[in-house]
C-alpha atoms as a PDB file:
ATOM      1  CA  UNK A   1      -9.488  27.154   7.982  1.00  0.00           C
ATOM      2  CA  UNK A   2     -10.389  25.184   4.831  1.00  0.00           C
ATOM      3  CA  UNK A   3     -13.462  25.385   2.612  1.00  0.00           C
ATOM      4  CA  UNK A   4     -13.069  22.236   0.533  1.00  0.00           C
ATOM      5  CA  UNK A   5     -10.904  19.848   2.550  1.00  0.00           C
ATOM      6  CA  UNK A   6     -11.115  18.314   5.989  1.00  0.00           C
ATOM      7  CA  UNK A   7      -7.812  18.516   7.846  1.00  0.00           C
ATOM      8  CA  UNK A   8      -7.363  16.381  10.932  1.00  0.00           C
ATOM      9  CA  UNK A   9      -4.628  14.790  13.006  1.00  0.00           C
ATOM     10  CA  UNK A  10      -4.771  11.097  13.859  1.00  0.00           C
ATOM     11  CA  UNK A  11      -1.886  10.378  16.182  1.00  0.00           C
ATOM     12  CA  UNK A  12       1.159  11.563  14.197  1.00  0.00           C
ATOM     13  CA  UNK A  13      -0.540  11.533  10.798  1.00  0.00           C
ATOM     14  CA  UNK A  14      -2.194  14.485   9.059  1.00  0.00           C
ATOM     15  CA  UNK A  15      -5.277  13.421   7.089  1.00  0.00           C
ATOM     16  CA  UNK A  16      -6.324  15.674   4.213  1.00  0.00           C
ATOM     17  CA  UNK A  17      -9.741  14.690   2.865  1.00  0.00           C
ATOM     18  CA  UNK A  18     -10.998  16.242  -0.375  1.00  0.00           C
ATOM     19  CA  UNK A  19     -14.498  17.247   0.623  1.00  0.00           C
ATOM     20  CA  UNK A  20     -16.696  17.811  -2.422  1.00  0.00           C
ATOM     21  CA  UNK A  21     -18.394  14.409  -2.448  1.00  0.00           C
ATOM     22  CA  UNK A  22     -21.422  15.624  -4.425  1.00  0.00           C
ATOM     23  CA  UNK A  23     -19.009  16.533  -7.263  1.00  0.00           C
ATOM     24  CA  UNK A  24     -16.828  13.421  -6.846  1.00  0.00           C
ATOM     25  CA  UNK A  25     -14.216  15.743  -5.296  1.00  0.00           C
ATOM     26  CA  UNK A  26     -13.573  17.451  -8.636  1.00  0.00           C
ATOM     27  CA  UNK A  27     -11.006  20.233  -8.544  1.00  0.00           C
ATOM     28  CA  UNK A  28     -11.933  23.883  -8.303  1.00  0.00           C
ATOM     29  CA  UNK A  29      -9.558  26.772  -7.724  1.00  0.00           C
ATOM     30  CA  UNK A  30     -10.424  26.640  -4.019  1.00  0.00           C
ATOM     31  CA  UNK A  31      -9.758  22.905  -3.762  1.00  0.00           C
ATOM     32  CA  UNK A  32      -6.365  23.286  -5.446  1.00  0.00           C
ATOM     33  CA  UNK A  33      -5.531  26.060  -2.990  1.00  0.00           C
ATOM     34  CA  UNK A  34      -6.778  24.132   0.048  1.00  0.00           C
ATOM     35  CA  UNK A  35      -4.803  20.993  -0.805  1.00  0.00           C
ATOM     36  CA  UNK A  36      -1.625  23.015  -1.345  1.00  0.00           C
ATOM     37  CA  UNK A  37      -2.096  24.895   1.925  1.00  0.00           C
ATOM     38  CA  UNK A  38      -2.911  21.720   3.881  1.00  0.00           C
ATOM     39  CA  UNK A  39       0.144  19.858   2.580  1.00  0.00           C
ATOM     40  CA  UNK A  40       2.388  22.838   3.312  1.00  0.00           C
ATOM     41  CA  UNK A  41       0.995  23.104   6.837  1.00  0.00           C
ATOM     42  CA  UNK A  42       1.519  19.393   7.510  1.00  0.00           C
ATOM     43  CA  UNK A  43       5.045  19.509   6.095  1.00  0.00           C
ATOM     44  CA  UNK A  44       5.992  22.305   8.503  1.00  0.00           C
ATOM     45  CA  UNK A  45       4.317  20.786  11.574  1.00  0.00           C
ATOM     46  CA  UNK A  46       6.897  18.953  13.702  1.00  0.00           C
ATOM     47  CA  UNK A  47       4.161  16.779  15.161  1.00  0.00           C
ATOM     48  CA  UNK A  48       3.288  15.393  11.718  1.00  0.00           C
ATOM     49  CA  UNK A  49       5.295  12.370  10.591  1.00  0.00           C
ATOM     50  CA  UNK A  50       3.096  11.179   7.720  1.00  0.00           C
ATOM     51  CA  UNK A  51       0.449  12.698   5.466  1.00  0.00           C
ATOM     52  CA  UNK A  52      -2.596  11.005   3.943  1.00  0.00           C
ATOM     53  CA  UNK A  53      -4.626  12.464   1.085  1.00  0.00           C
ATOM     54  CA  UNK A  54      -8.010  10.838   0.452  1.00  0.00           C
ATOM     55  CA  UNK A  55     -11.494  11.641  -0.790  1.00  0.00           C
ATOM     56  CA  UNK A  56     -14.880  11.961   0.886  1.00  0.00           C
ATOM     57  CA  UNK A  57     -17.705   9.829  -0.457  1.00  0.00           C
ATOM     58  CA  UNK A  58     -17.314   7.324  -3.273  1.00  0.00           C
ATOM     59  CA  UNK A  59     -14.523   9.003  -5.288  1.00  0.00           C
ATOM     60  CA  UNK A  60     -10.929   9.993  -4.651  1.00  0.00           C
ATOM     61  CA  UNK A  61     -10.996  12.807  -7.215  1.00  0.00           C
ATOM     62  CA  UNK A  62     -12.639  12.939 -10.628  1.00  0.00           C
ATOM     63  CA  UNK A  63     -10.314  15.623 -12.003  1.00  0.00           C
ATOM     64  CA  UNK A  64     -11.121  19.179 -13.016  1.00  0.00           C
ATOM     65  CA  UNK A  65     -14.630  20.437 -12.336  1.00  0.00           C
ATOM     66  CA  UNK A  66     -15.661  21.528 -15.831  1.00  0.00           C
ATOM     67  CA  UNK A  67     -18.169  23.895 -14.273  1.00  0.00           C
ATOM     68  CA  UNK A  68     -15.226  25.873 -12.912  1.00  0.00           C
ATOM     69  CA  UNK A  69     -13.798  26.622 -16.377  1.00  0.00           C
ATOM     70  CA  UNK A  70     -15.246  27.800 -19.697  1.00  0.00           C
ATOM     71  CA  UNK A  71     -14.222  28.306 -23.319  1.00  0.00           C
ATOM     72  CA  UNK A  72     -12.313  31.480 -22.438  1.00  0.00           C
ATOM     73  CA  UNK A  73     -10.182  29.744 -19.821  1.00  0.00           C
ATOM     74  CA  UNK A  74      -6.444  29.636 -20.453  1.00  0.00           C
ATOM     75  CA  UNK A  75      -5.591  26.133 -19.294  1.00  0.00           C
ATOM     76  CA  UNK A  76      -1.903  26.973 -19.208  1.00  0.00           C
ATOM     77  CA  UNK A  77      -2.588  29.665 -16.636  1.00  0.00           C
ATOM     78  CA  UNK A  78      -4.854  27.308 -14.691  1.00  0.00           C
ATOM     79  CA  UNK A  79      -1.967  24.857 -14.408  1.00  0.00           C
ATOM     80  CA  UNK A  80       0.627  27.485 -13.570  1.00  0.00           C
ATOM     81  CA  UNK A  81      -1.501  29.224 -10.937  1.00  0.00           C
ATOM     82  CA  UNK A  82      -3.470  26.348  -9.411  1.00  0.00           C
ATOM     83  CA  UNK A  83      -2.234  22.839 -10.096  1.00  0.00           C
ATOM     84  CA  UNK A  84       1.510  23.351 -10.269  1.00  0.00           C
ATOM     85  CA  UNK A  85       1.776  24.980  -6.817  1.00  0.00           C
ATOM     86  CA  UNK A  86      -0.308  22.117  -5.357  1.00  0.00           C
ATOM     87  CA  UNK A  87       1.854  19.415  -6.917  1.00  0.00           C
ATOM     88  CA  UNK A  88       5.061  21.194  -5.904  1.00  0.00           C
ATOM     89  CA  UNK A  89       4.002  21.235  -2.249  1.00  0.00           C
ATOM     90  CA  UNK A  90       3.796  17.426  -2.414  1.00  0.00           C
ATOM     91  CA  UNK A  91       6.994  17.113  -4.458  1.00  0.00           C
ATOM     92  CA  UNK A  92       9.120  19.089  -1.997  1.00  0.00           C
ATOM     93  CA  UNK A  93       7.616  17.533   1.145  1.00  0.00           C
ATOM     94  CA  UNK A  94      10.166  15.296   2.876  1.00  0.00           C
ATOM     95  CA  UNK A  95       7.607  13.432   4.943  1.00  0.00           C
ATOM     96  CA  UNK A  96       5.924  10.321   3.531  1.00  0.00           C
ATOM     97  CA  UNK A  97       2.753  11.214   1.606  1.00  0.00           C
ATOM     98  CA  UNK A  98       0.149   8.501   1.057  1.00  0.00           C
ATOM     99  CA  UNK A  99      -2.726   8.643  -1.401  1.00  0.00           C
ATOM    100  CA  UNK A 100      -5.563   6.620   0.129  1.00  0.00           C
ATOM    101  CA  UNK A 101      -7.502   6.043  -3.085  1.00  0.00           C
ATOM    102  CA  UNK A 102     -11.015   5.145  -1.993  1.00  0.00           C
ATOM    103  CA  UNK A 103     -12.652   5.335  -5.430  1.00  0.00           C
ATOM    104  CA  UNK A 104     -12.057   6.622  -8.930  1.00  0.00           C
ATOM    105  CA  UNK A 105      -9.013   8.834  -9.530  1.00  0.00           C
ATOM    106  CA  UNK A 106      -9.482  10.364 -12.973  1.00  0.00           C
ATOM    107  CA  UNK A 107      -7.610  13.035 -14.888  1.00  0.00           C
ATOM    108  CA  UNK A 108      -5.890  15.404 -12.476  1.00  0.00           C
ATOM    109  CA  UNK A 109      -7.163  13.196  -9.657  1.00  0.00           C
ATOM    110  CA  UNK A 110      -4.871  10.473 -10.998  1.00  0.00           C
ATOM    111  CA  UNK A 111      -2.074  13.051 -11.251  1.00  0.00           C
ATOM    112  CA  UNK A 112      -2.564  13.898  -7.576  1.00  0.00           C
ATOM    113  CA  UNK A 113      -2.290  10.234  -6.604  1.00  0.00           C
ATOM    114  CA  UNK A 114       0.827   9.750  -8.747  1.00  0.00           C
ATOM    115  CA  UNK A 115       2.514  12.705  -7.025  1.00  0.00           C
ATOM    116  CA  UNK A 116       2.250  10.939  -3.652  1.00  0.00           C
ATOM    117  CA  UNK A 117       4.922   8.541  -2.405  1.00  0.00           C
ATOM    118  CA  UNK A 118       2.589   5.615  -1.759  1.00  0.00           C
ATOM    119  CA  UNK A 119      -0.827   4.648  -3.100  1.00  0.00           C
ATOM    120  CA  UNK A 120      -3.134   2.438  -1.017  1.00  0.00           C
ATOM    121  CA  UNK A 121      -6.139   1.490  -3.129  1.00  0.00           C
ATOM    122  CA  UNK A 122      -9.551   0.126  -2.293  1.00  0.00           C
ATOM    123  CA  UNK A 123     -10.320  -2.874  -4.467  1.00  0.00           C
ATOM    124  CA  UNK A 124     -13.180  -0.779  -5.853  1.00  0.00           C
ATOM    125  CA  UNK A 125     -10.857   2.078  -6.839  1.00  0.00           C
ATOM    126  CA  UNK A 126      -9.599   2.762 -10.349  1.00  0.00           C
ATOM    127  CA  UNK A 127      -7.372   5.135 -12.293  1.00  0.00           C
ATOM    128  CA  UNK A 128      -8.416   6.768 -15.560  1.00  0.00           C
ATOM    129  CA  UNK A 129      -6.252   8.881 -17.856  1.00  0.00           C
ATOM    130  CA  UNK A 130      -9.316  10.855 -18.868  1.00  0.00           C
ATOM    131  CA  UNK A 131      -7.502  13.699 -20.636  1.00  0.00           C
ATOM    132  CA  UNK A 132      -7.392  12.084 -24.088  1.00  0.00           C
ATOM    133  CA  UNK A 133     -11.174  11.745 -24.119  1.00  0.00           C
ATOM    134  CA  UNK A 134     -11.557  15.529 -24.209  1.00  0.00           C
ATOM    135  CA  UNK A 135      -8.561  16.148 -26.471  1.00  0.00           C
ATOM    136  CA  UNK A 136      -6.163  17.189 -23.717  1.00  0.00           C
ATOM    137  CA  UNK A 137      -2.726  16.155 -22.491  1.00  0.00           C
ATOM    138  CA  UNK A 138      -2.158  14.567 -19.054  1.00  0.00           C
ATOM    139  CA  UNK A 139      -1.050  17.391 -16.796  1.00  0.00           C
ATOM    140  CA  UNK A 140      -0.275  18.345 -13.187  1.00  0.00           C
ATOM    141  CA  UNK A 141       2.920  16.299 -13.309  1.00  0.00           C
ATOM    142  CA  UNK A 142       1.170  13.173 -14.580  1.00  0.00           C
ATOM    143  CA  UNK A 143       3.668  12.348 -17.339  1.00  0.00           C
ATOM    144  CA  UNK A 144       6.581  13.187 -15.051  1.00  0.00           C
ATOM    145  CA  UNK A 145       5.651  10.533 -12.519  1.00  0.00           C
ATOM    146  CA  UNK A 146       3.949   7.912 -14.677  1.00  0.00           C
ATOM    147  CA  UNK A 147       6.930   6.688 -16.757  1.00  0.00           C
ATOM    148  CA  UNK A 148       9.056   6.489 -13.622  1.00  0.00           C
ATOM    149  CA  UNK A 149       6.485   4.087 -12.189  1.00  0.00           C
ATOM    150  CA  UNK A 150       5.557   1.965 -15.204  1.00  0.00           C
ATOM    151  CA  UNK A 151       8.133   2.719 -17.929  1.00  0.00           C
ATOM    152  CA  UNK A 152       7.922   4.771 -21.122  1.00  0.00           C
ATOM    153  CA  UNK A 153       5.985   2.335 -23.308  1.00  0.00           C
ATOM    154  CA  UNK A 154       3.280   1.580 -20.750  1.00  0.00           C
ATOM    155  CA  UNK A 155       2.969   5.264 -19.814  1.00  0.00           C
ATOM    156  CA  UNK A 156       2.363   6.130 -23.480  1.00  0.00           C
ATOM    157  CA  UNK A 157      -0.202   3.342 -23.769  1.00  0.00           C
ATOM    158  CA  UNK A 158      -2.120   4.465 -20.684  1.00  0.00           C
ATOM    159  CA  UNK A 159      -2.043   8.147 -21.691  1.00  0.00           C
ATOM    160  CA  UNK A 160      -3.111   7.625 -25.318  1.00  0.00           C
ATOM    161  CA  UNK A 161      -5.701   4.876 -24.880  1.00  0.00           C
ATOM    162  CA  UNK A 162      -7.219   6.368 -21.731  1.00  0.00           C
ATOM    163  CA  UNK A 163      -8.669   3.070 -20.559  1.00  0.00           C
ATOM    164  CA  UNK A 164      -9.883   2.450 -17.027  1.00  0.00           C
ATOM    165  CA  UNK A 165      -7.218   0.775 -14.874  1.00  0.00           C
ATOM    166  CA  UNK A 166      -8.623  -1.469 -12.153  1.00  0.00           C
ATOM    167  CA  UNK A 167      -7.113  -1.593  -8.685  1.00  0.00           C
ATOM    168  CA  UNK A 168      -5.643  -5.051  -9.321  1.00  0.00           C
ATOM    169  CA  UNK A 169      -4.097  -3.879 -12.595  1.00  0.00           C
ATOM    170  CA  UNK A 170      -2.659  -0.860 -10.762  1.00  0.00           C
ATOM    171  CA  UNK A 171      -1.002  -3.259  -8.351  1.00  0.00           C
ATOM    172  CA  UNK A 172       0.415  -5.372 -11.171  1.00  0.00           C
ATOM    173  CA  UNK A 173       1.802  -2.317 -12.950  1.00  0.00           C
ATOM    174  CA  UNK A 174       3.369  -0.833  -9.829  1.00  0.00           C
ATOM    175  CA  UNK A 175       0.915   2.060  -9.590  1.00  0.00           C
ATOM    176  CA  UNK A 176      -0.431   0.784  -6.270  1.00  0.00           C
ATOM    177  CA  UNK A 177       1.557   0.037  -3.139  1.00  0.00           C
ATOM    178  CA  UNK A 178      -1.203  -2.259  -1.952  1.00  0.00           C
ATOM    179  CA  UNK A 179      -4.855  -3.036  -2.660  1.00  0.00           C
ATOM    180  CA  UNK A 180      -7.242  -3.729   0.206  1.00  0.00           C
ATOM    181  CA  UNK A 181     -10.874  -4.725   0.546  1.00  0.00           C
ATOM    182  CA  UNK A 182     -13.293  -1.800   0.446  1.00  0.00           C
ATOM    183  CA  UNK A 183     -14.877  -2.980   3.690  1.00  0.00           C
ATOM    184  CA  UNK A 184     -11.611  -2.567   5.602  1.00  0.00           C
ATOM    185  CA  UNK A 185     -10.145   0.266   3.520  1.00  0.00           C
ATOM    186  CA  UNK A 186     -10.155   2.972   6.203  1.00  0.00           C
ATOM    187  CA  UNK A 187      -8.567   0.727   8.815  1.00  0.00           C
ATOM    188  CA  UNK A 188      -5.946  -0.572   6.374  1.00  0.00           C
ATOM    189  CA  UNK A 189      -5.033   2.917   5.169  1.00  0.00           C
ATOM    190  CA  UNK A 190      -4.757   4.165   8.743  1.00  0.00           C
ATOM    191  CA  UNK A 191      -2.580   1.201   9.727  1.00  0.00           C
ATOM    192  CA  UNK A 192      -0.271   1.777   6.756  1.00  0.00           C
ATOM    193  CA  UNK A 193       0.034   5.487   7.565  1.00  0.00           C
ATOM    194  CA  UNK A 194       0.681   4.645  11.208  1.00  0.00           C
ATOM    195  CA  UNK A 195       3.466   2.298  10.207  1.00  0.00           C
ATOM    196  CA  UNK A 196       5.182   5.049   8.223  1.00  0.00           C
ATOM    197  CA  UNK A 197       4.599   7.628  10.952  1.00  0.00           C
ATOM    198  CA  UNK A 198       6.431   5.389  13.426  1.00  0.00           C
ATOM    199  CA  UNK A 199       9.524   5.148  11.240  1.00  0.00           C
ATOM    200  CA  UNK A 200      12.590   7.459  11.247  1.00  0.00           C
ATOM    201  CA  UNK A 201      11.137  10.467   9.452  1.00  0.00           C
ATOM    202  CA  UNK A 202      14.430  12.209   8.739  1.00  0.00           C
ATOM    203  CA  UNK A 203      15.825   9.109   7.054  1.00  0.00           C
ATOM    204  CA  UNK A 204      12.676   8.800   4.932  1.00  0.00           C
ATOM    205  CA  UNK A 205      13.078  12.412   3.821  1.00  0.00           C
ATOM    206  CA  UNK A 206      16.691  11.792   2.831  1.00  0.00           C
ATOM    207  CA  UNK A 207      15.711   8.630   0.940  1.00  0.00           C
ATOM    208  CA  UNK A 208      13.061  10.594  -0.975  1.00  0.00           C
ATOM    209  CA  UNK A 209      15.548  13.358  -1.771  1.00  0.00           C
ATOM    210  CA  UNK A 210      18.210  10.946  -3.038  1.00  0.00           C
ATOM    211  CA  UNK A 211      15.823   8.894  -5.149  1.00  0.00           C
ATOM    212  CA  UNK A 212      14.536  12.017  -6.885  1.00  0.00           C
ATOM    213  CA  UNK A 213      18.044  13.275  -7.595  1.00  0.00           C
ATOM    214  CA  UNK A 214      19.142   9.898  -9.001  1.00  0.00           C
ATOM    215  CA  UNK A 215      17.249  10.588 -12.255  1.00  0.00           C
ATOM    216  CA  UNK A 216      19.381  13.592 -13.112  1.00  0.00           C
ATOM    217  CA  UNK A 217      22.672  13.213 -11.227  1.00  0.00           C
ATOM    218  CA  UNK A 218      25.901  11.615 -12.432  1.00  0.00           C
ATOM    219  CA  UNK A 219      27.406   8.800 -10.376  1.00  0.00           C
ATOM    220  CA  UNK A 220      30.241  10.840  -8.856  1.00  0.00           C
ATOM    221  CA  UNK A 221      27.864  13.580  -7.720  1.00  0.00           C
ATOM    222  CA  UNK A 222      25.363  11.025  -6.484  1.00  0.00           C
ATOM    223  CA  UNK A 223      27.973   9.223  -4.375  1.00  0.00           C
ATOM    224  CA  UNK A 224      28.834  12.534  -2.748  1.00  0.00           C
ATOM    225  CA  UNK A 225      25.130  13.058  -2.070  1.00  0.00           C
ATOM    226  CA  UNK A 226      25.104   9.598  -0.482  1.00  0.00           C
ATOM    227  CA  UNK A 227      27.908  10.631   1.842  1.00  0.00           C
ATOM    228  CA  UNK A 228      26.243  13.908   2.797  1.00  0.00           C
ATOM    229  CA  UNK A 229      22.901  12.238   3.445  1.00  0.00           C
ATOM    230  CA  UNK A 230      24.406   9.490   5.538  1.00  0.00           C
ATOM    231  CA  UNK A 231      26.273  12.027   7.622  1.00  0.00           C
ATOM    232  CA  UNK A 232      23.018  13.824   8.376  1.00  0.00           C
ATOM    233  CA  UNK A 233      21.185  10.583   9.135  1.00  0.00           C
ATOM    234  CA  UNK A 234      23.963   9.296  11.395  1.00  0.00           C
ATOM    235  CA  UNK A 235      23.685  12.384  13.582  1.00  0.00           C
ATOM    236  CA  UNK A 236      19.944  11.952  14.133  1.00  0.00           C
ATOM    237  CA  UNK A 237      18.287  10.860  17.352  1.00  0.00           C
ATOM    238  CA  UNK A 238      16.589   8.008  15.497  1.00  0.00           C
ATOM    239  CA  UNK A 239      19.893   6.526  14.324  1.00  0.00           C
ATOM    240  CA  UNK A 240      21.189   6.503  17.878  1.00  0.00           C
ATOM    241  CA  UNK A 241      17.917   4.952  19.058  1.00  0.00           C
ATOM    242  CA  UNK A 242      18.078   2.321  16.321  1.00  0.00           C
ATOM    243  CA  UNK A 243      21.603   1.277  17.303  1.00  0.00           C
ATOM    244  CA  UNK A 244      20.744   1.268  20.994  1.00  0.00           C
ATOM    245  CA  UNK A 245      17.640  -0.840  20.375  1.00  0.00           C
ATOM    246  CA  UNK A 246      19.671  -3.295  18.289  1.00  0.00           C
ATOM    247  CA  UNK A 247      22.236  -3.671  21.057  1.00  0.00           C
ATOM    248  CA  UNK A 248      19.481  -4.152  23.643  1.00  0.00           C
ATOM    249  CA  UNK A 249      17.555  -6.569  21.402  1.00  0.00           C
ATOM    250  CA  UNK A 250      14.338  -4.526  21.507  1.00  0.00           C
ATOM    251  CA  UNK A 251      12.101  -2.734  19.047  1.00  0.00           C
ATOM    252  CA  UNK A 252      13.262   0.860  18.442  1.00  0.00           C
ATOM    253  CA  UNK A 253      11.018   3.766  19.348  1.00  0.00           C
ATOM    254  CA  UNK A 254      11.723   6.385  16.708  1.00  0.00           C
ATOM    255  CA  UNK A 255      10.835  10.025  17.364  1.00  0.00           C
ATOM    256  CA  UNK A 256      11.153  11.419  13.841  1.00  0.00           C
ATOM    257  CA  UNK A 257      14.235  13.581  14.364  1.00  0.00           C
END
């Protein structure tokens, strides 16, 4: 089904592995397309309750494969036709999306990680805003997500200076959800994804939706959104299970609907 990614189910989690390890998982048109298609498929699959995006080999994603473009390439069209659809599939997905950053995430690879809801980093991983080093602007949603995570001033600093950001610095800045030892990275990432997959998926989707709208919605409209969301959540199976489990003093068993 896919040429450049490995798509597999592990319990209730869809794992999407960028699979161009010899090129540090650099983006080509096919890889952009495969990631977008894989995320869309996982989002629609009722059996999927969490999504993990990671990289094969020693890198997460090194950004655009420069061998896939040339001096005649219109980079605006590349973004409109390839990157933007990929990022929008992640943006509109209401299931938790985790970037399991196993190695370097540079350029658009960093943008991909920023678009995810959570970022679990190996202690050997790093982020690099590589765009400035070739006279380009961070793209693929990079500057949309970055200031929301670290603030305007720090986002400008990272984008303009283009310095390597270690895993520990990512954690300090709020770019990483957690940093784990490289030796136990796979197990830790799988455990984190499993934790999210066992939670009330519908409520997570509503939380994601409301947080995103909070940046551009007035208080009165947002409070109405609160009411609408809570009405939907309160009618879910998982809410009823949560209340029942509380009354029975047991751990709830959420089903994701």
